[in-house]
Amino acid sequence: MAIKSMSATIHHLPSGLTVLLDPIIDCHTVAIGAFVRVGARYEKISGLAHFLEHMLFKGTKTRSCYTITQEIEQCGGSINAFTGREETAYHVRMMADDAKIGIDILADMLSFPLFNHDDLHSERDVVLQEILQAEDNPEDVLFDGLQKVVFADNHLGEPILGDKKSLQTITADDLRHFMRDYYSADNLILSVAGKFDEAAILEFATHYFSHVPQKKQGQNFKKATHHHGNQHIKRPIEQFHLCLALQGPTANDDDFYHAAAFSEIFGETMSSRLFQTIREKLGLAYAVQSFMQPYHDTGLFGIYAATDPSKAQQLYHALRDELANTKNTLTAEEVLMAQKQLLARAYINYENIDQRMQYNAKSYHIYHKIHSIDDVTQKISAIDLNALNQFAEKLRNAKESWVSVGAADEFIFH
């Protein structure tokens, strides 16, 4: 069965596998992604989903770790993966004629991983280096700390990489059980964009993914509650890094596009209010921005900046003042600018094969349909000043949380 969605079609195979096909005639390559609808917030051991992602590259019953990458790269392709809090993706980019190889290898990785003892030991050391690298990065420390504060009673607050202690506890059986619970055909999206033969792709998907279990055994994630709090994390660094967090919209909230437009106006561009005030006028920071982090059941609206420790108090109050200054001051010109920024970004991603492949998968994961570029254009065009002011008022009235990273033993704002 196929459902039309502009240029993309949605196919539900008898196994339960969902295949998204987005043909793009004027190109010579294809992007293929196997998206599993499970991420770090589903796990019982912190870092398990991410460690599993690593281990699927370590070899299958018929391919070694080297062979997996060598087969892709010898035909000019590339292979990679990422783990999020709500999804895990394995993806390849290659010449159109080699799509069969890409699908074969992705299916092989998801169907027949080995989890050898020696590989488990060596890859644990690799992930440990990744964790240590993150701990050396104050922004990673800051944003992981923010998740922990805001989602204190939920696994959504745990770092995707896990930590040194949790990593050591993960066993091969833990990986197998997690795969059994979540890596099933009905929990999997195969997204393809670029140049390809649709009938051939469906044939390859049906054949190569036939060994993936059809039904998942696991349960859904625990819904998250937004908490309020603050934390200072000591690190021997020169700058003071600060992030303020307010409750933002979910991924399918009616306020989503208004929140996105507000973030554009407030802090995502060089002409934004934050940039012009905090950097250009006050000279308090080199890096300053607002951001959104939506999830299925909750969301964050954040404000980030870094400054000299001696100016931390001034920075904090300047950020809060700038948010307060949005009351009754947003303009129609700013709304138009935000619409053009959002629309341009949507089309830039639409014209990028990798981004389009990922967008289709994420859209289906969230909405169970693909929002076409026309759908997105309509939603952006519907943004208006009155609704934007209402969202800004809601944001100003929300209780804030904050996390900071710096050399001081402790910190408090006054």
Protein backbone atom coordinates (compact mmCIF):
# COMPACT_ATOMS: atom_id res chain seq x y z
CA MET A 1 0.00 0.00 0.00
CA ALA A 2 1.37 3.44 -0.94
CA ILE A 3 0.21 6.87 0.20
CA LYS A 4 1.11 9.94 -1.85
CA SER A 5 2.67 12.94 -0.08
CA MET A 6 3.74 15.43 -2.76
CA SER A 7 6.94 13.94 -4.24
CA ALA A 8 7.39 11.46 -1.38
CA THR A 9 5.39 8.27 -0.94
CA ILE A 10 4.81 6.19 2.18
CA HIS A 11 4.86 2.42 1.81
CA HIS A 12 3.87 -0.05 4.51
CA LEU A 13 5.36 -3.48 3.82
CA PRO A 14 3.66 -6.67 5.10
CA SER A 15 6.45 -7.07 7.68
CA GLY A 16 5.47 -3.77 9.29
CA LEU A 17 8.46 -1.88 7.86
CA THR A 18 7.66 1.65 6.69
CA VAL A 19 9.50 2.79 3.55
CA LEU A 20 9.57 6.46 2.56
CA LEU A 21 10.52 7.12 -1.06
CA ASP A 22 11.37 10.63 -2.26
CA PRO A 23 12.65 10.53 -5.85
CA ILE A 24 14.73 13.49 -7.03
CA ILE A 25 15.35 13.23 -10.75
CA ASP A 26 18.06 15.84 -11.21
CA CYS A 27 20.78 14.15 -9.18
CA HIS A 28 23.08 11.16 -9.43
CA THR A 29 23.22 9.98 -5.82
CA VAL A 30 20.92 8.46 -3.23
CA ALA A 31 20.64 8.95 0.54
CA ILE A 32 19.32 5.99 2.53
CA GLY A 33 18.57 5.98 6.23
CA ALA A 34 17.32 3.28 8.57
CA PHE A 35 15.64 5.13 11.45
CA VAL A 36 14.74 3.20 14.58
CA ARG A 37 12.05 4.93 16.61
CA VAL A 38 13.95 4.58 19.86
CA GLY A 39 16.55 6.75 21.50
CA ALA A 40 18.30 7.44 24.77
CA ARG A 41 15.12 8.26 26.70
CA TYR A 42 13.88 4.66 26.26
CA GLU A 43 16.87 2.94 27.88
CA LYS A 44 17.26 1.61 31.42
CA ILE A 45 21.05 2.00 31.46
CA SER A 46 22.35 5.43 30.54
CA GLY A 47 24.27 5.31 27.24
CA LEU A 48 22.87 1.94 26.13
CA ALA A 49 21.21 3.16 22.91
CA HIS A 50 24.35 5.02 21.86
CA PHE A 51 26.66 2.10 22.68
CA LEU A 52 24.41 -0.19 20.65
CA GLU A 53 24.75 2.18 17.69
CA HIS A 54 28.53 1.80 17.93
CA MET A 55 28.40 -1.96 18.28
CA LEU A 56 26.32 -2.46 15.13
CA PHE A 57 29.36 -1.29 13.15
CA LYS A 58 31.60 -3.97 14.71
CA GLY A 59 30.57 -6.79 12.41
CA THR A 60 27.82 -9.21 11.42
CA LYS A 61 27.65 -12.92 10.67
CA THR A 62 28.92 -12.29 7.14
CA ARG A 63 30.79 -8.97 7.36
CA SER A 64 33.64 -7.75 9.56
CA CYS A 65 33.85 -4.21 10.88
CA TYR A 66 36.26 -3.41 8.07
CA THR A 67 34.07 -5.00 5.40
CA ILE A 68 31.03 -2.93 6.38
CA THR A 69 32.81 0.35 5.67
CA GLN A 70 35.01 -1.01 2.87
CA GLU A 71 32.06 -2.18 0.77
CA ILE A 72 30.43 1.23 1.06
CA GLU A 73 33.59 3.25 0.49
CA GLN A 74 34.92 1.20 -2.42
CA CYS A 75 31.93 2.39 -4.45
CA GLY A 76 32.48 6.00 -3.38
CA GLY A 77 29.87 6.04 -0.63
CA SER A 78 29.88 6.97 3.04
CA ILE A 79 28.19 5.46 6.08
CA ASN A 80 27.47 6.93 9.49
CA ALA A 81 24.97 6.90 12.35
CA PHE A 82 23.67 9.02 15.21
CA THR A 83 21.74 8.51 18.42
CA GLY A 84 19.22 11.05 19.62
CA ARG A 85 16.96 11.06 22.63
CA GLU A 86 13.99 9.80 20.61
CA GLU A 87 15.52 8.08 17.57
CA THR A 88 18.60 6.25 16.30
CA ALA A 89 19.63 6.43 12.65
CA TYR A 90 22.02 4.52 10.40
CA HIS A 91 22.53 6.15 7.02
CA VAL A 92 24.49 5.91 3.79
CA ARG A 93 25.08 8.23 0.84
CA MET A 94 26.23 6.76 -2.46
CA MET A 95 25.84 6.69 -6.23
CA ALA A 96 22.36 5.77 -7.37
CA ASP A 97 23.44 2.51 -9.01
CA ASP A 98 24.78 1.23 -5.68
CA ALA A 99 21.59 1.61 -3.63
CA LYS A 100 21.24 -2.16 -3.34
CA ILE A 101 24.59 -2.40 -1.54
CA GLY A 102 23.59 0.32 0.91
CA ILE A 103 20.28 -1.32 1.81
CA ASP A 104 21.92 -4.73 2.09
CA ILE A 105 24.54 -3.47 4.54
CA LEU A 106 22.11 -1.45 6.68
CA ALA A 107 19.78 -4.44 6.94
CA ASP A 108 22.70 -6.75 7.73
CA MET A 109 23.84 -4.50 10.58
CA LEU A 110 20.34 -4.33 12.05
CA SER A 111 19.66 -8.05 11.61
CA PHE A 112 22.85 -9.97 12.44
CA PRO A 113 25.16 -8.07 14.83
CA LEU A 114 27.74 -10.20 16.63
CA PHE A 115 28.47 -8.44 19.94
CA ASN A 116 31.78 -10.27 20.32
CA HIS A 117 33.43 -9.99 23.73
CA ASP A 118 36.65 -8.46 22.37
CA ASP A 119 34.71 -5.94 20.28
CA LEU A 120 32.59 -5.03 23.29
CA HIS A 121 35.74 -4.35 25.30
CA SER A 122 37.53 -2.29 22.63
CA GLU A 123 34.48 -0.25 21.63
CA ARG A 124 33.74 0.54 25.27
CA ASP A 125 37.14 2.25 25.34
CA VAL A 126 36.27 4.17 22.17
CA VAL A 127 33.00 5.44 23.64
CA LEU A 128 34.83 6.31 26.84
CA GLN A 129 37.06 8.61 24.80
CA GLU A 130 33.93 10.17 23.30
CA ILE A 131 32.56 10.77 26.82
CA LEU A 132 35.85 12.31 27.96
CA GLN A 133 35.89 14.53 24.89
CA ALA A 134 32.39 15.75 25.76
CA GLU A 135 33.46 16.39 29.35
CA ASP A 136 36.28 18.57 28.02
CA ASN A 137 33.77 20.66 26.05
CA PRO A 138 32.00 23.23 28.28
CA GLU A 139 29.04 23.51 25.91
CA ASP A 140 28.44 19.75 26.03
CA VAL A 141 28.71 19.85 29.82
CA LEU A 142 26.31 22.79 29.94
CA PHE A 143 23.59 21.32 27.75
CA ASP A 144 23.79 17.87 29.36
CA GLY A 145 23.53 19.60 32.72
CA LEU A 146 20.52 21.55 31.54
CA GLN A 147 18.70 18.38 30.49
CA LYS A 148 19.47 16.87 33.89
CA VAL A 149 18.04 19.85 35.76
CA VAL A 150 14.91 20.30 33.67
CA PHE A 151 14.06 16.60 33.35
CA ALA A 152 15.33 15.52 36.75
CA ASP A 153 13.00 12.54 37.25
CA ASN A 154 13.12 11.20 33.71
CA HIS A 155 15.61 9.44 31.48
CA LEU A 156 15.19 12.34 29.06
CA GLY A 157 17.55 14.11 31.45
CA GLU A 158 20.36 11.57 31.08
CA PRO A 159 23.27 12.23 28.68
CA ILE A 160 22.98 10.39 25.38
CA LEU A 161 26.54 9.10 25.72
CA GLY A 162 25.97 7.86 29.25
CA ASP A 163 28.81 8.28 31.74
CA LYS A 164 31.98 6.41 32.65
CA LYS A 165 30.21 4.36 35.32
CA SER A 166 27.12 3.35 33.34
CA LEU A 167 29.20 2.48 30.27
CA GLN A 168 31.12 -0.16 32.24
CA THR A 169 27.92 -1.96 33.25
CA ILE A 170 26.55 -2.56 29.72
CA THR A 171 26.74 -6.21 28.65
CA ALA A 172 26.14 -8.03 25.39
CA ASP A 173 22.85 -9.31 26.81
CA ASP A 174 21.77 -5.72 27.53
CA LEU A 175 22.38 -4.88 23.88
CA ARG A 176 20.51 -7.96 22.64
CA HIS A 177 17.54 -7.28 24.92
CA PHE A 178 17.35 -3.65 23.82
CA MET A 179 17.40 -4.74 20.17
CA ARG A 180 14.75 -7.37 20.88
CA ASP A 181 12.54 -4.77 22.53
CA TYR A 182 12.85 -1.98 19.98
CA TYR A 183 14.70 -2.94 16.77
CA SER A 184 11.71 -4.42 14.96
CA ALA A 185 10.16 -3.85 11.54
CA ASP A 186 7.12 -2.06 12.94
CA ASN A 187 9.43 0.34 14.78
CA LEU A 188 11.67 1.00 11.79
CA ILE A 189 11.55 3.60 9.01
CA LEU A 190 13.60 3.19 5.85
CA SER A 191 13.87 6.62 4.24
CA VAL A 192 15.29 7.04 0.72
CA ALA A 193 15.81 10.29 -1.20
CA GLY A 194 17.59 10.97 -4.46
CA LYS A 195 17.85 9.05 -7.70
CA PHE A 196 16.55 5.48 -7.56
CA ASP A 197 14.13 3.00 -9.05
CA GLU A 198 11.13 2.84 -6.70
CA ALA A 199 10.16 -0.74 -7.51
CA ALA A 200 13.74 -1.90 -7.01
CA ILE A 201 14.06 -0.15 -3.65
CA LEU A 202 10.85 -1.77 -2.40
CA GLU A 203 12.10 -5.15 -3.60
CA PHE A 204 15.47 -4.65 -1.84
CA ALA A 205 13.75 -3.49 1.37
CA THR A 206 11.39 -6.47 1.37
CA HIS A 207 14.21 -8.94 0.79
CA TYR A 208 17.05 -7.62 2.94
CA PHE A 209 14.98 -6.53 5.93
CA SER A 210 13.06 -9.81 6.06
CA HIS A 211 15.18 -11.03 8.99
CA VAL A 212 14.30 -8.08 11.24
CA PRO A 213 11.70 -9.16 13.85
CA GLN A 214 8.24 -7.91 12.93
CA LYS A 215 6.92 -6.80 16.34
CA LYS A 216 8.62 -4.89 19.12
CA GLN A 217 8.47 -6.21 22.68
CA GLY A 218 9.31 -3.02 24.58
CA GLN A 219 7.20 -0.26 26.06
CA ASN A 220 7.04 3.43 25.26
CA PHE A 221 9.03 6.02 27.13
CA LYS A 222 7.94 7.54 30.42
CA LYS A 223 6.38 10.96 29.86
CA ALA A 224 8.54 13.81 31.09
CA THR A 225 7.63 16.56 33.54
CA HIS A 226 9.29 19.96 33.22
CA HIS A 227 11.14 20.84 36.45
CA HIS A 228 12.66 24.12 37.58
CA GLY A 229 16.03 24.46 39.19
CA ASN A 230 19.60 25.65 38.76
CA GLN A 231 23.10 24.25 38.89
CA HIS A 232 26.65 25.51 38.60
CA ILE A 233 29.19 23.02 37.26
CA LYS A 234 32.83 23.67 38.05
CA ARG A 235 35.33 23.31 35.22
CA PRO A 236 38.84 24.82 34.91
CA ILE A 237 38.01 27.07 31.95
CA GLU A 238 38.45 30.74 31.11
CA GLN A 239 34.85 31.67 30.25
CA PHE A 240 31.57 31.53 32.13
CA HIS A 241 28.96 29.59 30.11
CA LEU A 242 25.29 30.12 30.88
CA CYS A 243 22.04 28.65 29.62
CA LEU A 244 18.56 29.77 30.66
CA ALA A 245 15.72 27.33 29.98
CA LEU A 246 11.98 27.84 29.81
CA GLN A 247 9.28 25.33 28.93
CA GLY A 248 8.85 25.30 25.15
CA PRO A 249 6.48 23.62 22.73
CA THR A 250 6.38 19.94 21.86
CA ALA A 251 7.25 18.83 18.35
CA ASN A 252 3.57 18.79 17.35
CA ASP A 253 2.35 21.71 19.45
CA ASP A 254 0.20 24.39 17.82
CA ASP A 255 2.78 26.91 19.06
CA PHE A 256 5.70 25.20 17.32
CA TYR A 257 6.03 27.55 14.35
CA HIS A 258 5.32 30.62 16.45
CA ALA A 259 8.07 29.51 18.82
CA ALA A 260 10.41 29.00 15.88
CA ALA A 261 9.61 32.49 14.55
CA PHE A 262 10.08 34.05 17.98
CA SER A 263 13.47 32.33 18.32
CA GLU A 264 14.52 33.76 14.94
CA ILE A 265 13.58 37.27 16.02
CA PHE A 266 14.98 36.92 19.51
CA GLY A 267 18.28 35.15 19.05
CA GLU A 268 19.08 32.97 16.04
CA THR A 269 20.49 35.49 13.57
CA MET A 270 23.09 38.26 13.55
CA SER A 271 20.29 40.83 13.29
CA SER A 272 18.39 39.26 16.20
CA ARG A 273 17.68 41.17 19.38
CA LEU A 274 20.02 39.06 21.49
CA PHE A 275 22.94 39.38 19.10
CA GLN A 276 22.50 43.10 18.62
CA THR A 277 22.18 43.83 22.34
CA ILE A 278 24.44 41.28 24.03
CA ARG A 279 27.25 41.25 21.48
CA GLU A 280 27.07 44.42 19.39
CA LYS A 281 25.84 46.94 21.98
CA LEU A 282 27.14 45.60 25.30
CA GLY A 283 30.08 43.51 24.07
CA LEU A 284 29.32 40.85 26.67
CA ALA A 285 29.70 37.73 24.54
CA TYR A 286 31.13 36.36 21.34
CA ALA A 287 28.61 33.51 21.24
CA VAL A 288 24.98 34.19 22.10
CA GLN A 289 21.81 32.58 20.78
CA SER A 290 18.36 31.26 21.52
CA PHE A 291 17.27 27.75 20.57
CA MET A 292 14.39 25.29 20.68
CA GLN A 293 14.51 21.62 21.64
CA PRO A 294 11.16 19.95 21.03
CA TYR A 295 10.29 16.38 22.02
CA HIS A 296 7.14 14.29 21.63
CA ASP A 297 5.71 15.23 25.01
CA THR A 298 7.58 18.36 26.13
CA GLY A 299 10.07 20.93 24.97
CA LEU A 300 12.71 23.50 25.86
CA PHE A 301 13.22 27.09 24.85
CA GLY A 302 16.76 28.07 25.72
CA ILE A 303 19.05 31.09 25.76
CA TYR A 304 22.81 30.49 25.68
CA ALA A 305 25.80 32.83 26.04
CA ALA A 306 29.39 32.77 27.29
CA THR A 307 31.31 35.65 28.80
CA ASP A 308 34.15 36.66 31.10
CA PRO A 309 33.44 35.42 34.65
CA SER A 310 33.61 38.99 35.94
CA LYS A 311 30.63 39.86 33.73
CA ALA A 312 28.44 36.86 34.60
CA GLN A 313 25.96 38.85 36.69
CA GLN A 314 25.66 41.51 34.02
CA LEU A 315 25.13 38.88 31.32
CA TYR A 316 22.39 37.09 33.26
CA HIS A 317 20.40 40.27 33.85
CA ALA A 318 20.92 41.46 30.28
CA LEU A 319 19.52 38.19 28.92
CA ARG A 320 16.48 38.41 31.18
CA ASP A 321 15.95 42.08 30.35
CA GLU A 322 16.05 41.33 26.64
CA LEU A 323 13.34 38.72 27.04
CA ALA A 324 11.25 41.14 29.09
CA ASN A 325 11.72 43.78 26.39
CA THR A 326 9.76 41.68 23.92
CA LYS A 327 6.52 42.76 25.61
CA ASN A 328 4.47 44.77 23.11
CA THR A 329 7.55 45.53 21.00
CA LEU A 330 7.52 42.82 18.34
CA THR A 331 6.89 44.27 14.88
CA ALA A 332 5.35 43.16 11.61
CA GLU A 333 8.74 43.69 9.96
CA GLU A 334 10.33 41.23 12.39
CA VAL A 335 7.60 38.69 11.70
CA LEU A 336 8.24 38.97 7.97
CA MET A 337 11.98 38.53 8.50
CA ALA A 338 11.39 35.45 10.65
CA GLN A 339 9.07 33.96 8.02
CA LYS A 340 11.67 34.49 5.31
CA GLN A 341 14.41 32.96 7.49
CA LEU A 342 12.32 29.89 8.31
CA LEU A 343 11.20 29.47 4.73
CA ALA A 344 14.72 29.80 3.35
CA ARG A 345 16.03 27.24 5.84
CA ALA A 346 13.23 24.84 4.94
CA TYR A 347 14.03 25.10 1.24
CA ILE A 348 17.78 24.84 1.77
CA ASN A 349 17.21 21.57 3.63
CA TYR A 350 14.69 20.47 1.00
CA GLU A 351 17.36 20.91 -1.67
CA ASN A 352 19.87 18.82 0.29
CA ILE A 353 19.37 15.10 -0.31
CA ASP A 354 20.67 13.98 3.10
CA GLN A 355 18.58 16.56 4.94
CA ARG A 356 15.50 15.66 2.91
CA MET A 357 15.91 11.97 3.67
CA GLN A 358 16.25 12.73 7.38
CA TYR A 359 13.40 15.25 7.40
CA ASN A 360 11.00 12.74 5.87
CA ALA A 361 11.88 10.13 8.49
CA LYS A 362 11.58 12.55 11.39
CA SER A 363 8.32 13.95 10.04
CA TYR A 364 6.83 10.47 9.82
CA HIS A 365 8.22 9.57 13.26
CA ILE A 366 6.47 12.55 14.86
CA TYR A 367 3.29 12.93 12.79
CA HIS A 368 2.88 9.53 11.09
CA LYS A 369 2.87 11.42 7.80
CA ILE A 370 5.28 13.52 5.77
CA HIS A 371 4.71 17.24 5.94
CA SER A 372 5.52 18.40 2.43
CA ILE A 373 7.40 21.60 1.65
CA ASP A 374 4.02 23.11 0.72
CA ASP A 375 2.64 22.15 4.16
CA VAL A 376 5.62 23.82 5.82
CA THR A 377 5.26 26.90 3.64
CA GLN A 378 1.61 27.24 4.65
CA LYS A 379 2.43 26.92 8.36
CA ILE A 380 5.18 29.52 8.11
CA SER A 381 2.95 31.87 6.12
CA ALA A 382 0.26 31.56 8.81
CA ILE A 383 2.53 33.04 11.49
CA ASP A 384 1.09 36.39 12.59
CA LEU A 385 2.05 39.13 15.01
CA ASN A 386 -0.84 38.57 17.41
CA ALA A 387 -0.08 34.85 17.88
CA LEU A 388 3.62 35.65 18.20
CA ASN A 389 2.92 38.15 20.97
CA GLN A 390 0.79 35.56 22.75
CA PHE A 391 3.61 33.04 22.63
CA ALA A 392 6.13 35.64 23.83
CA GLU A 393 3.84 36.47 26.76
CA LYS A 394 3.58 32.79 27.65
CA LEU A 395 7.37 32.50 27.52
CA ARG A 396 7.94 35.59 29.68
CA ASN A 397 5.58 34.22 32.32
CA ALA A 398 7.27 30.81 32.40
CA LYS A 399 9.52 29.99 35.33
CA GLU A 400 13.15 29.75 34.28
CA SER A 401 15.86 27.24 35.05
CA TRP A 402 19.55 27.91 34.56
CA VAL A 403 22.79 26.00 34.38
CA SER A 404 26.26 27.52 34.30
CA VAL A 405 29.76 26.16 33.73
CA GLY A 406 32.87 27.95 34.95
CA ALA A 407 35.95 27.89 37.13
CA ALA A 408 34.21 29.08 40.31
CA ASP A 409 33.42 26.54 43.03
CA GLU A 410 29.81 27.74 43.11
CA PHE A 411 27.71 30.53 41.70
CA ILE A 412 24.47 32.31 42.48
CA PHE A 413 22.78 35.18 40.68
CA HIS A 414 21.63 38.21 42.62
